[in-house]
């Protein structure tokens, strides 16, 4: 695991942990080094025997990386509790309940050949930037062979056991609806052949719903394949064929949700957040009448929330930034609700991370109180403005690219008026600038976006 600076791959934390092609970018050596690094950083200054809970999705590479993580943590003196195949939010809940580090092995909605490792600090919280940077630096030192190893010896070597902490998460989801049940609801679940393929259907059936299941036959290679929240076409047709009240699609690790109404139309994260925000405001559960979203949320969402007296806070793209804003809160209390258009929904009073199953249960609960079908509820909650998103490849990374295009963006904003908006942002992972234009008229949005793309290509394009 030593090597030289030239022949050792040094992975970096992305928006949500370390991710890449399994056994190329994310190797057992990397997983071992990450476990050793996290053991030192996250347990620093704390006493007593330390524990870590590890869950994974259904990818073939999951057990390989799990074995490497076990080696790294036990060699560092931590006891390991294995949760097996579970949703990411179950790991966060277990981490909180046990006051243990949490690790989820998953690449979320990515293709099966990818994998990733997400870390939770003891207590179930995602890591802040400073902690991630410290762990990343320590991981690189382990990979380069420059770290000072502190090996546990004898009885101090960590042990390995199976965990039953999944039930803690299940109980928490059930408790969120305070005994209410859904016997009159028919639901089609698409589990993406991922983490929720077994526990998801069992939970909705236990809540009384009539459940039709899709995407629940994982073979290690079919996770997210033409299924789940990123490929909902089959679910849309199945909801129509079954005459179901709605469909719910999870991604590979079940931390995001996309819904389908009774007509087969998609109900994205913005609509779900809008439905929950309005429902929780009416029942007094929405703290400070505020919801937190990213800059990518649709303009129609912002206008609809303003009309209903709900304040909207915007963050950078990434559910961890939404979570930071939720935790900041106001009046000494966290905000209650936040998420992303992509389907990450964080019910912060109920969970410390995005949870597709919990969001689905909350959506059913709100739907019951609405007294209408999901199609009508979604349609009256908000109107999505046409959104055009195009990329321009840059000659080099340009963090300040928005400033370089400020004059043409200002001209475009004048043209769009209060019926549209422009968002220009650099990619966090590639030499790209992403240009997004929204407007009530799709043709106008497309025309303005094309003009901005042309100027960007001329000024900063590769």
Protein backbone atom coordinates (compact mmCIF):
# COMPACT_ATOMS: atom_id res chain seq x y z
CA UNK A 1 0.00 0.00 0.00
CA UNK A 2 3.06 2.21 -0.01
CA UNK A 3 4.35 3.16 -3.46
CA UNK A 4 5.42 6.51 -4.73
CA UNK A 5 3.52 9.70 -5.35
CA UNK A 6 3.47 8.85 -9.06
CA UNK A 7 1.92 5.40 -8.85
CA UNK A 8 -0.59 5.81 -6.01
CA UNK A 9 -4.07 7.02 -6.88
CA UNK A 10 -5.23 9.65 -4.38
CA UNK A 11 -9.04 9.74 -4.29
CA UNK A 12 -10.83 12.83 -3.03
CA UNK A 13 -14.08 13.51 -1.28
CA UNK A 14 -16.86 14.65 -3.57
CA UNK A 15 -20.20 16.15 -2.68
CA UNK A 16 -21.16 13.01 -0.79
CA UNK A 17 -18.17 10.92 0.25
CA UNK A 18 -15.61 9.08 -1.88
CA UNK A 19 -16.99 7.60 -5.09
CA UNK A 20 -15.68 6.04 -8.28
CA UNK A 21 -15.34 2.86 -10.33
CA UNK A 22 -14.99 -0.06 -7.92
CA UNK A 23 -11.55 -1.67 -7.95
CA UNK A 24 -10.16 1.15 -10.14
CA UNK A 25 -10.87 4.44 -8.38
CA UNK A 26 -12.26 2.88 -5.22
CA UNK A 27 -10.03 -0.10 -4.38
CA UNK A 28 -9.73 -2.19 -1.21
CA UNK A 29 -6.51 -0.26 -0.47
CA UNK A 30 -8.45 3.00 -0.60
CA UNK A 31 -11.20 1.62 1.65
CA UNK A 32 -8.62 0.33 4.14
CA UNK A 33 -6.82 3.69 4.19
CA UNK A 34 -10.11 5.56 4.57
CA UNK A 35 -11.10 3.41 7.55
CA UNK A 36 -7.72 3.95 9.21
CA UNK A 37 -7.96 7.70 8.60
CA UNK A 38 -11.55 8.04 9.83
CA UNK A 39 -10.73 5.98 12.91
CA UNK A 40 -8.07 8.48 13.93
CA UNK A 41 -9.96 11.66 13.08
CA UNK A 42 -13.47 10.85 14.26
CA UNK A 43 -12.49 9.21 17.55
CA UNK A 44 -9.86 11.80 18.46
CA UNK A 45 -10.35 13.03 22.02
CA UNK A 46 -13.13 10.56 22.87
CA UNK A 47 -12.72 7.82 25.42
CA UNK A 48 -14.02 4.28 25.79
CA UNK A 49 -14.33 1.48 23.28
CA UNK A 50 -15.26 2.91 19.88
CA UNK A 51 -17.76 1.38 17.46
CA UNK A 52 -18.64 1.75 13.79
CA UNK A 53 -21.76 0.51 12.00
CA UNK A 54 -21.41 -0.43 8.33
CA UNK A 55 -24.19 -0.86 5.78
CA UNK A 56 -24.10 -1.43 2.03
CA UNK A 57 -26.29 -1.58 -1.04
CA UNK A 58 -26.62 -4.55 -3.40
CA UNK A 59 -23.60 -3.96 -5.67
CA UNK A 60 -21.30 -6.90 -6.26
CA UNK A 61 -18.33 -4.84 -5.06
CA UNK A 62 -19.96 -4.02 -1.74
CA UNK A 63 -18.71 -7.04 0.18
CA UNK A 64 -15.18 -6.53 -1.17
CA UNK A 65 -15.09 -2.97 0.15
CA UNK A 66 -16.82 -4.01 3.36
CA UNK A 67 -14.03 -6.52 4.05
CA UNK A 68 -11.39 -3.82 3.56
CA UNK A 69 -13.23 -1.42 5.85
CA UNK A 70 -13.51 -4.12 8.51
CA UNK A 71 -9.76 -4.64 8.34
CA UNK A 72 -9.05 -0.94 8.65
CA UNK A 73 -11.40 -0.30 11.54
CA UNK A 74 -10.56 -3.39 13.58
CA UNK A 75 -6.82 -2.80 13.08
CA UNK A 76 -7.41 0.64 14.55
CA UNK A 77 -9.17 -0.82 17.59
CA UNK A 78 -12.82 -0.14 16.69
CA UNK A 79 -15.55 -2.74 17.09
CA UNK A 80 -17.52 -3.21 13.87
CA UNK A 81 -21.24 -3.88 13.64
CA UNK A 82 -22.41 -5.04 10.20
CA UNK A 83 -25.91 -4.07 9.12
CA UNK A 84 -25.77 -5.83 5.74
CA UNK A 85 -27.92 -4.50 2.89
CA UNK A 86 -29.81 -1.51 4.29
CA UNK A 87 -30.86 1.99 3.17
CA UNK A 88 -28.42 4.83 3.88
CA UNK A 89 -30.81 6.50 6.36
CA UNK A 90 -30.85 3.30 8.44
CA UNK A 91 -27.09 3.65 8.91
CA UNK A 92 -27.52 7.29 10.01
CA UNK A 93 -30.19 6.29 12.54
CA UNK A 94 -28.03 3.43 13.87
CA UNK A 95 -25.07 5.80 14.17
CA UNK A 96 -27.19 8.16 16.25
CA UNK A 97 -28.72 5.42 18.41
CA UNK A 98 -25.37 3.77 19.16
CA UNK A 99 -23.27 6.97 19.23
CA UNK A 100 -21.02 5.19 16.73
CA UNK A 101 -19.36 6.14 13.49
CA UNK A 102 -21.46 5.19 10.47
CA UNK A 103 -20.36 3.98 7.04
CA UNK A 104 -22.53 3.36 4.00
CA UNK A 105 -21.03 1.56 1.01
CA UNK A 106 -23.00 2.80 -1.98
CA UNK A 107 -22.75 4.86 -5.15
CA UNK A 108 -26.40 5.84 -4.77
CA UNK A 109 -28.01 6.25 -8.22
CA UNK A 110 -24.80 5.51 -10.20
CA UNK A 111 -24.40 2.41 -12.42
CA UNK A 112 -23.48 -0.84 -10.68
CA UNK A 113 -19.78 -0.78 -11.62
CA UNK A 114 -19.34 2.33 -9.44
CA UNK A 115 -19.30 2.32 -5.69
CA UNK A 116 -18.81 4.81 -2.91
CA UNK A 117 -18.22 5.23 0.80
CA UNK A 118 -20.25 7.74 2.83
CA UNK A 119 -19.23 8.56 6.38
CA UNK A 120 -21.31 9.68 9.35
CA UNK A 121 -19.82 11.09 12.51
CA UNK A 122 -20.90 9.53 15.82
CA UNK A 123 -24.47 10.72 16.27
CA UNK A 124 -25.46 10.21 12.64
CA UNK A 125 -24.41 13.60 11.23
CA UNK A 126 -22.76 14.03 7.84
CA UNK A 127 -19.25 15.43 7.96
CA UNK A 128 -18.49 19.11 7.51
CA UNK A 129 -15.90 20.35 5.01
CA UNK A 130 -13.12 20.72 7.58
CA UNK A 131 -13.54 17.19 8.92
CA UNK A 132 -13.67 15.73 5.43
CA UNK A 133 -10.47 17.58 4.54
CA UNK A 134 -8.72 16.21 7.63
CA UNK A 135 -9.81 12.64 6.87
CA UNK A 136 -8.82 13.02 3.21
CA UNK A 137 -5.35 14.22 4.18
CA UNK A 138 -4.92 11.32 6.60
CA UNK A 139 -6.18 8.84 3.97
CA UNK A 140 -3.61 10.14 1.47
CA UNK A 141 -0.88 9.71 4.07
CA UNK A 142 -1.89 6.08 4.57
CA UNK A 143 -1.94 5.45 0.82
CA UNK A 144 1.47 7.06 0.38
CA UNK A 145 2.95 5.16 3.31
CA UNK A 146 3.77 8.32 5.24
CA UNK A 147 1.22 7.92 8.04
CA UNK A 148 2.25 7.07 11.56
CA UNK A 149 0.42 3.80 12.17
CA UNK A 150 -1.07 3.13 15.57
CA UNK A 151 -1.89 -0.56 15.51
CA UNK A 152 -4.22 -2.07 18.09
CA UNK A 153 -2.73 -5.16 19.76
CA UNK A 154 -4.17 -8.13 21.62
CA UNK A 155 -7.52 -7.45 23.23
CA UNK A 156 -7.50 -3.94 21.79
CA UNK A 157 -8.03 -5.27 18.24
CA UNK A 158 -11.61 -4.61 17.24
CA UNK A 159 -14.22 -7.33 16.98
CA UNK A 160 -16.93 -7.89 14.35
CA UNK A 161 -20.59 -8.61 15.00
CA UNK A 162 -23.92 -8.47 13.20
CA UNK A 163 -26.18 -5.56 14.03
CA UNK A 164 -29.93 -5.51 14.56
CA UNK A 165 -30.05 -1.69 14.44
CA UNK A 166 -32.16 -1.72 11.26
CA UNK A 167 -35.22 -2.11 13.49
CA UNK A 168 -34.46 1.23 15.16
CA UNK A 169 -34.87 2.98 11.80
CA UNK A 170 -38.03 1.02 10.95
CA UNK A 171 -39.57 1.97 14.29
CA UNK A 172 -38.69 5.63 13.73
CA UNK A 173 -40.38 5.70 10.31
CA UNK A 174 -43.51 4.05 11.72
CA UNK A 175 -43.58 6.48 14.66
CA UNK A 176 -43.53 9.45 12.26
CA UNK A 177 -47.20 8.90 11.34
CA UNK A 178 -48.35 8.41 14.94
CA UNK A 179 -50.35 5.25 14.35
CA UNK A 180 -52.11 6.38 11.17
CA UNK A 181 -52.48 3.70 8.51
CA UNK A 182 -53.08 3.53 4.75
CA UNK A 183 -55.39 0.55 4.16
CA UNK A 184 -57.29 2.46 1.47
CA UNK A 185 -54.15 3.23 -0.58
CA UNK A 186 -52.65 1.22 -3.44
CA UNK A 187 -48.97 1.90 -4.04
CA UNK A 188 -46.47 0.67 -6.62
CA UNK A 189 -42.92 0.64 -5.23
CA UNK A 190 -39.85 0.64 -7.49
CA UNK A 191 -36.90 -0.32 -5.30
CA UNK A 192 -34.20 -0.02 -8.02
CA UNK A 193 -32.91 -3.50 -7.15
CA UNK A 194 -31.19 -1.69 -4.32
CA UNK A 195 -31.07 -1.27 -0.57
CA UNK A 196 -34.82 -1.01 0.00
CA UNK A 197 -35.76 -4.05 -2.12
CA UNK A 198 -36.91 -6.05 0.91
CA UNK A 199 -37.48 -3.66 3.79
CA UNK A 200 -39.33 -1.04 1.72
CA UNK A 201 -42.26 -3.24 0.64
CA UNK A 202 -42.44 -4.82 4.08
CA UNK A 203 -42.79 -1.41 5.72
CA UNK A 204 -45.52 -0.11 3.43
CA UNK A 205 -47.43 -3.38 3.78
CA UNK A 206 -47.10 -3.15 7.57
CA UNK A 207 -48.67 0.33 7.33
CA UNK A 208 -51.67 -1.22 5.61
CA UNK A 209 -51.13 -0.19 2.01
CA UNK A 210 -51.80 -2.50 -0.91
CA UNK A 211 -48.33 -2.81 -2.43
CA UNK A 212 -47.17 -3.81 -5.91
CA UNK A 213 -43.40 -4.25 -6.06
CA UNK A 214 -40.92 -3.60 -8.88
CA UNK A 215 -37.13 -3.58 -8.92
CA UNK A 216 -36.79 -6.01 -6.03
CA UNK A 217 -34.64 -8.78 -7.53
CA UNK A 218 -31.02 -7.65 -7.05
CA UNK A 219 -28.30 -9.78 -8.61
CA UNK A 220 -25.34 -7.55 -7.74
CA UNK A 221 -25.26 -6.03 -11.22
CA UNK A 222 -28.74 -4.64 -11.90
CA UNK A 223 -28.94 -1.88 -9.28
CA UNK A 224 -30.57 1.21 -10.85
CA UNK A 225 -30.71 -0.54 -14.25
CA UNK A 226 -33.72 0.99 -16.06
CA UNK A 227 -35.39 1.28 -12.67
CA UNK A 228 -35.64 3.48 -9.62
CA UNK A 229 -35.79 7.24 -9.25
CA UNK A 230 -33.50 7.97 -12.22
CA UNK A 231 -35.39 5.68 -14.65
CA UNK A 232 -39.08 5.96 -13.70
CA UNK A 233 -40.69 5.16 -17.10
CA UNK A 234 -41.56 1.56 -16.20
CA UNK A 235 -43.06 2.70 -12.89
CA UNK A 236 -45.18 5.32 -14.65
CA UNK A 237 -46.69 2.65 -16.91
CA UNK A 238 -47.14 0.19 -14.06
CA UNK A 239 -49.09 2.71 -11.97
CA UNK A 240 -51.48 3.18 -14.91
CA UNK A 241 -51.76 -0.58 -15.55
CA UNK A 242 -52.48 -1.33 -11.89
CA UNK A 243 -54.86 1.60 -11.46
CA UNK A 244 -52.83 2.49 -8.36
CA UNK A 245 -53.17 5.66 -6.31
CA UNK A 246 -49.48 6.45 -6.75
CA UNK A 247 -46.00 5.08 -7.34
CA UNK A 248 -42.84 5.64 -5.32
CA UNK A 249 -39.37 5.18 -6.78
CA UNK A 250 -36.22 4.96 -4.64
CA UNK A 251 -32.62 5.07 -5.79
CA UNK A 252 -29.95 2.45 -5.10
CA UNK A 253 -29.42 3.36 -1.44
CA UNK A 254 -32.98 4.62 -0.86
CA UNK A 255 -32.02 8.11 0.29
CA UNK A 256 -34.06 9.81 -2.44
CA UNK A 257 -37.64 9.59 -3.71
CA UNK A 258 -39.47 10.40 -6.92
CA UNK A 259 -43.24 9.85 -7.02
CA UNK A 260 -45.72 9.09 -9.81
CA UNK A 261 -49.35 10.21 -9.62
CA UNK A 262 -52.40 8.18 -10.61
CA UNK A 263 -52.22 9.43 -14.21
CA UNK A 264 -48.61 8.28 -14.60
CA UNK A 265 -47.16 11.81 -14.35
CA UNK A 266 -43.92 12.38 -12.46
CA UNK A 267 -43.95 14.19 -9.12
CA UNK A 268 -40.35 15.33 -8.52
CA UNK A 269 -38.55 16.45 -5.40
CA UNK A 270 -39.72 20.05 -5.74
CA UNK A 271 -43.36 18.97 -5.81
CA UNK A 272 -42.88 16.58 -2.89
CA UNK A 273 -41.20 19.31 -0.84
CA UNK A 274 -43.98 21.73 -1.75
CA UNK A 275 -46.69 19.28 -0.73
CA UNK A 276 -45.01 18.54 2.59
CA UNK A 277 -44.23 22.22 3.27
CA UNK A 278 -47.86 23.24 2.76
CA UNK A 279 -49.15 20.31 4.81
CA UNK A 280 -46.72 20.87 7.66
CA UNK A 281 -47.43 24.60 7.69
CA UNK A 282 -51.12 23.89 8.08
CA UNK A 283 -50.47 21.47 10.96
CA UNK A 284 -47.87 23.67 12.70
CA UNK A 285 -44.95 21.31 12.04
CA UNK A 286 -42.98 23.58 9.69
CA UNK A 287 -40.64 25.54 11.94
CA UNK A 288 -40.53 29.25 11.09
CA UNK A 289 -42.63 28.43 8.00
CA UNK A 290 -39.34 27.80 6.20
CA UNK A 291 -38.09 25.22 3.71
CA UNK A 292 -34.47 24.79 2.52
CA UNK A 293 -33.66 23.92 -1.12
CA UNK A 294 -30.72 24.23 -3.51
CA UNK A 295 -30.25 26.77 -6.28
CA UNK A 296 -31.48 24.15 -8.77
CA UNK A 297 -35.02 24.05 -7.41
CA UNK A 298 -37.55 25.26 -9.94
CA UNK A 299 -38.64 28.89 -10.02
CA UNK A 300 -42.22 27.67 -9.86
CA UNK A 301 -41.47 26.19 -6.44
CA UNK A 302 -40.21 29.49 -5.10
CA UNK A 303 -43.21 31.41 -6.42
CA UNK A 304 -45.67 28.83 -5.06
CA UNK A 305 -44.08 28.87 -1.60
CA UNK A 306 -44.10 32.67 -1.51
CA UNK A 307 -47.80 32.66 -2.40
CA UNK A 308 -48.48 30.32 0.52
CA UNK A 309 -46.37 32.25 3.02
CA UNK A 310 -43.48 29.78 3.15
CA UNK A 311 -39.98 31.29 3.27
CA UNK A 312 -37.38 29.62 1.02
CA UNK A 313 -33.66 29.40 1.86
CA UNK A 314 -31.28 28.46 -0.97
CA UNK A 315 -27.98 26.56 -0.70
CA UNK A 316 -25.34 25.20 -3.05
CA UNK A 317 -26.13 21.95 -4.86
CA UNK A 318 -25.78 18.94 -2.57
CA UNK A 319 -27.95 17.56 0.21
CA UNK A 320 -25.17 18.07 2.77
CA UNK A 321 -25.45 21.84 2.24
CA UNK A 322 -29.20 21.62 2.67
CA UNK A 323 -28.60 19.75 5.92
CA UNK A 324 -26.16 22.40 7.16
CA UNK A 325 -28.77 25.12 6.59
CA UNK A 326 -31.46 23.03 8.26
CA UNK A 327 -29.26 22.51 11.31
CA UNK A 328 -28.49 26.23 11.54
CA UNK A 329 -32.19 26.98 11.90
CA UNK A 330 -33.45 29.95 13.87
CA UNK A 331 -34.58 30.73 17.41
CA UNK A 332 -32.43 27.89 18.71
CA UNK A 333 -34.29 25.28 16.67
CA UNK A 334 -33.52 23.47 13.41
CA UNK A 335 -35.62 24.05 10.33
CA UNK A 336 -37.95 21.14 9.67
CA UNK A 337 -37.84 20.44 5.94
CA UNK A 338 -35.44 20.65 3.03
CA UNK A 339 -34.19 18.83 -0.02
CA UNK A 340 -33.42 18.76 -3.71
CA UNK A 341 -35.35 18.56 -6.96
CA UNK A 342 -33.64 15.20 -7.55
CA UNK A 343 -35.61 13.67 -4.70
CA UNK A 344 -33.44 14.06 -1.59
CA UNK A 345 -36.03 14.99 1.03
CA UNK A 346 -34.76 15.66 4.56
CA UNK A 347 -37.41 15.63 7.27
CA UNK A 348 -35.02 17.08 9.84
CA UNK A 349 -37.25 16.68 12.89
CA UNK A 350 -37.47 13.00 12.04
CA UNK A 351 -34.09 12.13 10.44
CA UNK A 352 -30.53 13.40 9.99
CA UNK A 353 -30.25 12.64 6.27
CA UNK A 354 -32.33 12.19 3.13
CA UNK A 355 -34.69 9.24 3.45
CA UNK A 356 -36.77 8.03 0.49
CA UNK A 357 -38.90 5.61 2.50
CA UNK A 358 -39.66 8.15 5.23
CA UNK A 359 -40.47 10.78 2.59
CA UNK A 360 -42.82 8.33 0.88
CA UNK A 361 -44.63 7.64 4.14
CA UNK A 362 -44.91 11.37 4.85
CA UNK A 363 -46.24 11.96 1.32
CA UNK A 364 -48.96 9.36 1.86
CA UNK A 365 -49.84 10.98 5.17
CA UNK A 366 -50.13 14.43 3.57
CA UNK A 367 -52.12 12.99 0.68
CA UNK A 368 -54.67 11.57 3.10
CA UNK A 369 -55.12 14.95 4.77
CA UNK A 370 -55.55 16.67 1.40
CA UNK A 371 -58.71 14.73 0.57
CA UNK A 372 -57.71 14.54 -3.10
CA UNK A 373 -55.57 12.48 -5.46
CA UNK A 374 -51.86 13.04 -5.94
CA UNK A 375 -52.35 14.45 -9.45
CA UNK A 376 -54.62 17.22 -8.20
CA UNK A 377 -52.51 17.85 -5.10
CA UNK A 378 -49.26 18.17 -7.07
CA UNK A 379 -50.87 20.35 -9.75
CA UNK A 380 -52.30 22.79 -7.22
CA UNK A 381 -49.09 22.87 -5.14
CA UNK A 382 -46.91 24.39 -7.86
CA UNK A 383 -46.44 24.85 -11.60
CA UNK A 384 -42.99 23.89 -12.88
CA UNK A 385 -41.42 26.45 -15.17
CA UNK A 386 -39.62 25.09 -18.25
CA UNK A 387 -35.97 24.63 -17.29
CA UNK A 388 -33.15 24.44 -19.86
CA UNK A 389 -29.72 23.26 -18.66
CA UNK A 390 -26.66 23.18 -20.94
CA UNK A 391 -22.94 22.72 -20.34
CA UNK A 392 -19.94 24.46 -21.85
CA UNK A 393 -16.57 22.74 -21.59
CA UNK A 394 -13.88 25.08 -20.28
CA UNK A 395 -10.27 25.39 -21.31
CA UNK A 396 -9.46 24.99 -17.60
CA UNK A 397 -11.26 25.02 -14.27
CA UNK A 398 -12.73 28.51 -13.73
CA UNK A 399 -14.24 28.86 -10.22
CA UNK A 400 -15.10 32.51 -11.00
CA UNK A 401 -16.72 31.80 -14.36
CA UNK A 402 -20.00 33.39 -13.25
CA UNK A 403 -18.21 36.71 -12.76
CA UNK A 404 -16.74 36.49 -16.28
CA UNK A 405 -20.25 36.22 -17.72
CA UNK A 406 -21.96 38.66 -15.36
CA UNK A 407 -22.73 41.28 -18.01
CA UNK A 408 -24.54 38.93 -20.42
CA UNK A 409 -26.34 37.25 -17.51
CA UNK A 410 -27.59 40.64 -16.36
CA UNK A 411 -28.91 41.38 -19.86
CA UNK A 412 -30.68 38.01 -19.95
CA UNK A 413 -32.27 38.62 -16.56
CA UNK A 414 -33.70 41.92 -17.76
CA UNK A 415 -35.21 40.15 -20.77
CA UNK A 416 -36.71 37.36 -18.65
CA UNK A 417 -38.12 39.72 -16.03
CA UNK A 418 -40.02 38.21 -13.10
CA UNK A 419 -41.13 35.23 -15.19
CA UNK A 420 -37.70 33.65 -15.38
CA UNK A 421 -34.19 33.40 -14.00
CA UNK A 422 -30.61 32.48 -14.97
CA UNK A 423 -28.16 30.35 -13.01
CA UNK A 424 -24.50 30.04 -14.04
CA UNK A 425 -22.26 27.80 -11.94
CA UNK A 426 -19.03 25.87 -12.43
CA UNK A 427 -19.11 22.09 -12.10
CA UNK A 428 -17.59 20.86 -8.87
CA UNK A 429 -15.93 17.88 -10.54
CA UNK A 430 -15.26 18.74 -14.21
CA UNK A 431 -13.96 21.71 -16.25
CA UNK A 432 -17.51 22.72 -17.19
CA UNK A 433 -19.78 25.68 -16.68
CA UNK A 434 -23.45 24.80 -16.28
CA UNK A 435 -25.92 27.34 -17.62
CA UNK A 436 -29.55 27.03 -16.59
CA UNK A 437 -32.40 29.24 -17.77
CA UNK A 438 -36.01 29.08 -16.59
CA UNK A 439 -38.98 30.91 -18.05
CA UNK A 440 -42.72 30.48 -18.25
CA UNK A 441 -42.26 30.13 -22.02
CA UNK A 442 -40.07 27.17 -23.01
CA UNK A 443 -39.00 28.70 -26.33
CA UNK A 444 -37.79 31.84 -24.59
CA UNK A 445 -35.82 29.79 -22.07
CA UNK A 446 -34.18 27.81 -24.86
CA UNK A 447 -33.33 30.89 -26.91
CA UNK A 448 -31.77 32.75 -23.98
CA UNK A 449 -29.82 29.70 -22.87
CA UNK A 450 -28.41 29.20 -26.38
CA UNK A 451 -27.27 32.83 -26.45
CA UNK A 452 -25.52 32.50 -23.10
CA UNK A 453 -23.89 29.24 -24.16
CA UNK A 454 -22.53 30.92 -27.31
CA UNK A 455 -21.02 33.78 -25.33
CA UNK A 456 -19.56 31.41 -22.75
CA UNK A 457 -18.01 29.25 -25.46
CA UNK A 458 -16.43 32.33 -27.04
CA UNK A 459 -15.07 33.79 -23.80
CA UNK A 460 -14.07 30.79 -21.69
CA UNK A 461 -14.75 27.67 -23.77
CA UNK A 462 -12.16 25.01 -24.52
